[in-house]
PDB file of N, CA and C in Angstrom:
ATOM      1  N   MET A   1      -1.096  46.594 163.399  1.00  0.00           N
ATOM      2  CA  MET A   1      -0.931  48.032 163.448  1.00  0.00           C
ATOM      3  C   MET A   1      -1.041  48.472 164.909  1.00  0.00           C
ATOM      4  N   ASN A   2      -0.101  49.282 165.337  1.00  0.00           N
ATOM      5  CA  ASN A   2      -0.062  49.716 166.726  1.00  0.00           C
ATOM      6  C   ASN A   2      -0.601  51.130 166.928  1.00  0.00           C
ATOM      7  N   ARG A   3      -0.490  51.969 165.890  1.00  0.00           N
ATOM      8  CA  ARG A   3      -0.850  53.377 166.061  1.00  0.00           C
ATOM      9  C   ARG A   3      -1.493  53.925 164.790  1.00  0.00           C
ATOM     10  N   ILE A   4      -2.567  54.673 164.981  1.00  0.00           N
ATOM     11  CA  ILE A   4      -3.209  55.406 163.890  1.00  0.00           C
ATOM     12  C   ILE A   4      -3.185  56.876 164.277  1.00  0.00           C
ATOM     13  N   GLN A   5      -2.842  57.730 163.329  1.00  0.00           N
ATOM     14  CA  GLN A   5      -2.741  59.162 163.609  1.00  0.00           C
ATOM     15  C   GLN A   5      -3.595  59.934 162.610  1.00  0.00           C
ATOM     16  N   ILE A   6      -4.283  60.942 163.119  1.00  0.00           N
ATOM     17  CA  ILE A   6      -5.075  61.840 162.281  1.00  0.00           C
ATOM     18  C   ILE A   6      -4.618  63.264 162.567  1.00  0.00           C
ATOM     19  N   LYS A   7      -4.399  64.036 161.494  1.00  0.00           N
ATOM     20  CA  LYS A   7      -4.030  65.443 161.640  1.00  0.00           C
ATOM     21  C   LYS A   7      -5.093  66.283 160.951  1.00  0.00           C
ATOM     22  N   VAL A   8      -5.558  67.321 161.636  1.00  0.00           N
ATOM     23  CA  VAL A   8      -6.573  68.206 161.067  1.00  0.00           C
ATOM     24  C   VAL A   8      -6.140  69.656 161.239  1.00  0.00           C
ATOM     25  N   ALA A   9      -6.542  70.489 160.307  1.00  0.00           N
ATOM     26  CA  ALA A   9      -6.205  71.908 160.377  1.00  0.00           C
ATOM     27  C   ALA A   9      -6.894  72.552 161.574  1.00  0.00           C
ATOM     28  N   THR A  10      -6.146  73.357 162.297  1.00  0.00           N
ATOM     29  CA  THR A  10      -6.709  74.091 163.421  1.00  0.00           C
ATOM     30  C   THR A  10      -7.845  74.970 162.916  1.00  0.00           C
ATOM     31  N   GLY A  11      -8.970  74.939 163.597  1.00  0.00           N
ATOM     32  CA  GLY A  11     -10.123  75.727 163.195  1.00  0.00           C
ATOM     33  C   GLY A  11     -11.128  74.960 162.356  1.00  0.00           C
ATOM     34  N   ASN A  12     -10.760  73.781 161.892  1.00  0.00           N
ATOM     35  CA  ASN A  12     -11.682  72.966 161.103  1.00  0.00           C
ATOM     36  C   ASN A  12     -12.456  72.059 162.067  1.00  0.00           C
ATOM     37  N   GLU A  13     -13.516  72.588 162.623  1.00  0.00           N
ATOM     38  CA  GLU A  13     -14.258  71.893 163.678  1.00  0.00           C
ATOM     39  C   GLU A  13     -14.942  70.618 163.189  1.00  0.00           C
ATOM     40  N   LYS A  14     -15.402  70.599 161.956  1.00  0.00           N
ATOM     41  CA  LYS A  14     -16.045  69.382 161.435  1.00  0.00           C
ATOM     42  C   LYS A  14     -15.040  68.237 161.343  1.00  0.00           C
ATOM     43  N   SER A  15     -13.844  68.528 160.864  1.00  0.00           N
ATOM     44  CA  SER A  15     -12.816  67.487 160.784  1.00  0.00           C
ATOM     45  C   SER A  15     -12.332  67.081 162.168  1.00  0.00           C
ATOM     46  N   ARG A  16     -12.249  68.022 163.083  1.00  0.00           N
ATOM     47  CA  ARG A  16     -11.791  67.740 164.448  1.00  0.00           C
ATOM     48  C   ARG A  16     -12.760  66.818 165.184  1.00  0.00           C
ATOM     49  N   ALA A  17     -14.034  66.891 164.855  1.00  0.00           N
ATOM     50  CA  ALA A  17     -15.047  66.075 165.531  1.00  0.00           C
ATOM     51  C   ALA A  17     -14.886  64.584 165.227  1.00  0.00           C
ATOM     52  N   ILE A  18     -14.313  64.247 164.087  1.00  0.00           N
ATOM     53  CA  ILE A  18     -14.200  62.838 163.683  1.00  0.00           C
ATOM     54  C   ILE A  18     -13.299  62.042 164.627  1.00  0.00           C
ATOM     55  N   PRO A  19     -12.031  62.442 164.830  1.00  0.00           N
ATOM     56  CA  PRO A  19     -11.207  61.641 165.746  1.00  0.00           C
ATOM     57  C   PRO A  19     -11.739  61.650 167.176  1.00  0.00           C
ATOM     58  N   LEU A  20     -12.339  62.737 167.599  1.00  0.00           N
ATOM     59  CA  LEU A  20     -12.899  62.781 168.951  1.00  0.00           C
ATOM     60  C   LEU A  20     -14.043  61.783 169.093  1.00  0.00           C
ATOM     61  N   ARG A  21     -14.893  61.712 168.092  1.00  0.00           N
ATOM     62  CA  ARG A  21     -16.018  60.776 168.115  1.00  0.00           C
ATOM     63  C   ARG A  21     -15.541  59.327 168.110  1.00  0.00           C
ATOM     64  N   LEU A  22     -14.395  59.072 167.464  1.00  0.00           N
ATOM     65  CA  LEU A  22     -13.863  57.717 167.352  1.00  0.00           C
ATOM     66  C   LEU A  22     -12.975  57.319 168.531  1.00  0.00           C
ATOM     67  N   GLY A  23     -12.810  58.214 169.500  1.00  0.00           N
ATOM     68  CA  GLY A  23     -12.045  57.875 170.698  1.00  0.00           C
ATOM     69  C   GLY A  23     -10.554  58.141 170.615  1.00  0.00           C
ATOM     70  N   PHE A  24     -10.117  58.911 169.630  1.00  0.00           N
ATOM     71  CA  PHE A  24      -8.705  59.261 169.524  1.00  0.00           C
ATOM     72  C   PHE A  24      -8.318  60.225 170.645  1.00  0.00           C
ATOM     73  N   GLN A  25      -7.047  60.190 171.031  1.00  0.00           N
ATOM     74  CA  GLN A  25      -6.522  61.078 172.060  1.00  0.00           C
ATOM     75  C   GLN A  25      -5.875  62.296 171.397  1.00  0.00           C
ATOM     76  N   TYR A  26      -6.154  63.473 171.929  1.00  0.00           N
ATOM     77  CA  TYR A  26      -5.533  64.706 171.427  1.00  0.00           C
ATOM     78  C   TYR A  26      -4.094  64.749 171.922  1.00  0.00           C
ATOM     79  N   GLU A  27      -3.141  64.975 171.018  1.00  0.00           N
ATOM     80  CA  GLU A  27      -1.724  65.001 171.382  1.00  0.00           C
ATOM     81  C   GLU A  27      -1.126  66.399 171.375  1.00  0.00           C
ATOM     82  N   GLY A  28      -1.638  67.290 170.537  1.00  0.00           N
ATOM     83  CA  GLY A  28      -1.076  68.631 170.497  1.00  0.00           C
ATOM     84  C   GLY A  28      -1.160  69.240 169.109  1.00  0.00           C
ATOM     85  N   ILE A  29      -0.376  70.311 168.929  1.00  0.00           N
ATOM     86  CA  ILE A  29      -0.407  71.069 167.680  1.00  0.00           C
ATOM     87  C   ILE A  29       0.975  71.071 167.036  1.00  0.00           C
ATOM     88  N   GLU A  30       1.007  70.804 165.743  1.00  0.00           N
ATOM     89  CA  GLU A  30       2.216  70.991 164.949  1.00  0.00           C
ATOM     90  C   GLU A  30       2.112  72.372 164.315  1.00  0.00           C
ATOM     91  N   ARG A  31       2.897  73.289 164.807  1.00  0.00           N
ATOM     92  CA  ARG A  31       2.800  74.676 164.365  1.00  0.00           C
ATOM     93  C   ARG A  31       3.352  74.846 162.953  1.00  0.00           C
ATOM     94  N   GLN A  32       2.602  75.583 162.141  1.00  0.00           N
ATOM     95  CA  GLN A  32       2.961  75.898 160.754  1.00  0.00           C
ATOM     96  C   GLN A  32       3.444  74.658 160.007  1.00  0.00           C
ATOM     97  N   ARG A  33       2.698  73.595 160.110  1.00  0.00           N
ATOM     98  CA  ARG A  33       3.089  72.298 159.541  1.00  0.00           C
ATOM     99  C   ARG A  33       2.718  72.157 158.071  1.00  0.00           C
ATOM    100  N   GLU A  34       1.627  72.743 157.664  1.00  0.00           N
ATOM    101  CA  GLU A  34       1.107  72.548 156.305  1.00  0.00           C
ATOM    102  C   GLU A  34       1.100  73.872 155.552  1.00  0.00           C
ATOM    103  N   ARG A  35       1.523  73.838 154.289  1.00  0.00           N
ATOM    104  CA  ARG A  35       1.545  75.043 153.461  1.00  0.00           C
ATOM    105  C   ARG A  35       0.516  74.913 152.347  1.00  0.00           C
ATOM    106  N   CYS A  36      -0.297  75.954 152.190  1.00  0.00           N
ATOM    107  CA  CYS A  36      -1.303  75.989 151.138  1.00  0.00           C
ATOM    108  C   CYS A  36      -1.456  77.433 150.669  1.00  0.00           C
ATOM    109  N   ASN A  37      -1.307  77.656 149.367  1.00  0.00           N
ATOM    110  CA  ASN A  37      -1.419  79.010 148.796  1.00  0.00           C
ATOM    111  C   ASN A  37      -0.500  80.007 149.491  1.00  0.00           C
ATOM    112  N   ASN A  38       0.756  79.618 149.673  1.00  0.00           N
ATOM    113  CA  ASN A  38       1.776  80.470 150.298  1.00  0.00           C
ATOM    114  C   ASN A  38       1.424  80.906 151.711  1.00  0.00           C
ATOM    115  N   GLN A  39       0.614  80.115 152.397  1.00  0.00           N
ATOM    116  CA  GLN A  39       0.257  80.400 153.785  1.00  0.00           C
ATOM    117  C   GLN A  39       0.429  79.113 154.588  1.00  0.00           C
ATOM    118  N   TYR A  40       0.976  79.235 155.794  1.00  0.00           N
ATOM    119  CA  TYR A  40       1.193  78.069 156.646  1.00  0.00           C
ATOM    120  C   TYR A  40       0.056  77.910 157.646  1.00  0.00           C
ATOM    121  N   PHE A  41      -0.286  76.646 157.922  1.00  0.00           N
ATOM    122  CA  PHE A  41      -1.372  76.328 158.842  1.00  0.00           C
ATOM    123  C   PHE A  41      -0.888  75.370 159.925  1.00  0.00           C
ATOM    124  N   ASP A  42      -1.442  75.543 161.121  1.00  0.00           N
ATOM    125  CA  ASP A  42      -1.177  74.624 162.221  1.00  0.00           C
ATOM    126  C   ASP A  42      -2.064  73.395 162.067  1.00  0.00           C
ATOM    127  N   LEU A  43      -1.552  72.246 162.505  1.00  0.00           N
ATOM    128  CA  LEU A  43      -2.328  71.013 162.479  1.00  0.00           C
ATOM    129  C   LEU A  43      -2.485  70.463 163.891  1.00  0.00           C
ATOM    130  N   GLN A  44      -3.677  70.010 164.215  1.00  0.00           N
ATOM    131  CA  GLN A  44      -3.925  69.326 165.479  1.00  0.00           C
ATOM    132  C   GLN A  44      -3.701  67.838 165.248  1.00  0.00           C
ATOM    133  N   VAL A  45      -3.035  67.187 166.202  1.00  0.00           N
ATOM    134  CA  VAL A  45      -2.684  65.778 166.067  1.00  0.00           C
ATOM    135  C   VAL A  45      -3.493  64.949 167.062  1.00  0.00           C
ATOM    136  N   PHE A  46      -4.094  63.871 166.544  1.00  0.00           N
ATOM    137  CA  PHE A  46      -4.852  62.917 167.354  1.00  0.00           C
ATOM    138  C   PHE A  46      -4.308  61.527 167.057  1.00  0.00           C
ATOM    139  N   SER A  47      -4.307  60.651 168.068  1.00  0.00           N
ATOM    140  CA  SER A  47      -3.832  59.289 167.836  1.00  0.00           C
ATOM    141  C   SER A  47      -4.683  58.275 168.585  1.00  0.00           C
ATOM    142  N   LEU A  48      -4.639  57.051 168.063  1.00  0.00           N
ATOM    143  CA  LEU A  48      -5.311  55.918 168.696  1.00  0.00           C
ATOM    144  C   LEU A  48      -4.317  54.768 168.698  1.00  0.00           C
ATOM    145  N   LEU A  49      -4.023  54.228 169.886  1.00  0.00           N
ATOM    146  CA  LEU A  49      -3.099  53.110 170.023  1.00  0.00           C
ATOM    147  C   LEU A  49      -3.862  51.803 170.153  1.00  0.00           C
ATOM    148  N   LYS A  50      -3.206  50.730 169.787  1.00  0.00           N
ATOM    149  CA  LYS A  50      -3.815  49.409 169.909  1.00  0.00           C
ATOM    150  C   LYS A  50      -4.280  49.166 171.347  1.00  0.00           C
ATOM    151  N   THR A  51      -3.513  49.637 172.313  1.00  0.00           N
ATOM    152  CA  THR A  51      -3.855  49.436 173.727  1.00  0.00           C
ATOM    153  C   THR A  51      -5.007  50.319 174.194  1.00  0.00           C
ATOM    154  N   ASP A  52      -5.420  51.298 173.392  1.00  0.00           N
ATOM    155  CA  ASP A  52      -6.541  52.174 173.755  1.00  0.00           C
ATOM    156  C   ASP A  52      -7.888  51.489 173.557  1.00  0.00           C
ATOM    157  N   THR A  53      -7.911  50.426 172.767  1.00  0.00           N
ATOM    158  CA  THR A  53      -9.192  49.773 172.466  1.00  0.00           C
ATOM    159  C   THR A  53      -9.478  48.625 173.403  1.00  0.00           C
TER     160      THR A  53
END
């Protein structure tokens, strides 16, 4: 496996802390990526590459 990606809802600080604690790199935001209850949410994207370890 070369790449692992984690996406978390913007504003969800508890979920955001997990990839940061594990050494993932912040890549950016996917705007209005997820729909829940007829409302769209932005997702923050984090990744970890094989070469990062």
